[in-house]
Protein backbone atom coordinates (compact mmCIF):
# COMPACT_ATOMS: atom_id res chain seq x y z
CA MET A 1 21.57 -25.00 1.67
CA ILE A 2 23.86 -23.74 4.61
CA LYS A 3 22.92 -23.03 8.02
CA SER A 4 24.19 -20.13 10.19
CA GLN A 5 23.26 -18.22 13.31
CA VAL A 6 22.39 -14.73 13.97
CA GLY A 7 24.97 -13.19 16.24
CA SER A 8 24.08 -11.97 19.83
CA LYS A 9 23.59 -8.39 18.67
CA GLY A 10 21.23 -9.43 15.50
CA GLU A 11 24.40 -9.59 12.95
CA LEU A 12 24.16 -11.61 10.12
CA PHE A 13 27.22 -13.62 9.18
CA PRO A 14 27.06 -15.46 5.90
CA PRO A 15 29.37 -18.40 5.50
CA LYS A 16 32.55 -18.08 3.41
CA LYS A 17 31.25 -20.27 0.75
CA ILE A 18 28.19 -17.73 0.15
CA ARG A 19 30.45 -14.67 0.47
CA GLU A 20 32.83 -15.89 -2.17
CA LYS A 21 29.96 -16.81 -4.36
CA LEU A 22 28.37 -13.42 -4.35
CA GLY A 23 31.51 -11.67 -4.22
CA LEU A 24 31.13 -10.06 -0.77
CA HIS A 25 34.49 -8.85 0.19
CA PRO A 26 35.09 -6.55 3.14
CA HIS A 27 33.47 -3.12 2.90
CA THR A 28 31.09 -4.29 -0.06
CA LYS A 29 28.09 -2.41 0.15
CA VAL A 30 24.81 -4.47 -0.15
CA ILE A 31 21.06 -3.91 -0.54
CA TYR A 32 18.65 -5.66 1.54
CA LYS A 33 15.29 -6.66 0.59
CA VAL A 34 12.47 -8.40 2.07
CA GLU A 35 10.23 -10.56 -0.07
CA GLY A 36 7.64 -12.41 1.84
CA ASN A 37 9.61 -14.19 4.84
CA ARG A 38 12.84 -14.16 2.76
CA LEU A 39 15.83 -11.74 3.13
CA ILE A 40 17.65 -11.14 -0.03
CA VAL A 41 20.87 -9.68 -0.20
CA GLU A 42 22.62 -8.18 -3.27
CA PRO A 43 26.10 -6.69 -3.64
CA ILE A 44 25.96 -3.07 -5.04
CA PRO A 45 28.55 -3.15 -7.88
CA ASN A 46 31.14 -0.37 -7.49
CA LEU A 47 31.91 2.16 -10.67
CA ASP A 48 34.50 -0.16 -12.10
CA GLU A 49 32.32 -3.10 -12.09
CA VAL A 50 29.74 -0.89 -13.95
CA LEU A 51 32.04 0.78 -16.37
CA LYS A 52 33.18 -2.95 -17.41
CA GLU A 53 29.62 -4.21 -18.15
CA LYS A 54 28.47 -3.83 -21.75
CA PRO A 55 25.90 -0.76 -22.26
CA SER A 56 22.51 -1.60 -22.39
CA VAL A 57 21.66 1.23 -24.89
CA GLU A 58 24.33 2.35 -27.60
CA ILE A 59 24.01 5.78 -29.29
CA THR A 60 26.28 7.85 -31.15
CA LEU A 61 27.85 10.89 -30.38
CA GLU A 62 25.78 12.99 -32.72
CA GLU A 63 22.48 11.31 -31.38
CA PHE A 64 23.55 12.26 -27.74
CA HIS A 65 23.89 15.90 -28.59
CA GLU A 66 20.80 16.00 -30.51
CA PHE A 67 19.06 14.45 -27.61
CA ARG A 68 20.74 16.84 -25.17
CA LYS A 69 19.49 19.70 -27.30
CA GLU A 70 16.06 18.44 -27.42
CA LEU A 71 15.97 18.21 -23.71
CA SER A 72 17.43 21.81 -23.25
CA GLN A 73 14.96 23.22 -25.48
CA ARG A 74 12.04 21.53 -23.69
CA ALA A 75 13.61 22.57 -19.99
CA GLU A 76 13.25 26.47 -21.73
CA SER A 77 9.95 26.20 -22.77
């Protein structure tokens, strides 16, 4: 556990060790969540990071086209 202090204007300044562990670099966008009395800060991955991740669903190009065709048909009816 690392202690820190809230700035005079209410700013939060996570210590360097925490920023490094979370990969928080200048201009990194984050999500703030409140759970109970806890503040949770999570970095939002950029597009390059998302594209590096293994896909959670794998489909063939043919399956994609068939699915797209079905969606178009449903939208038209």
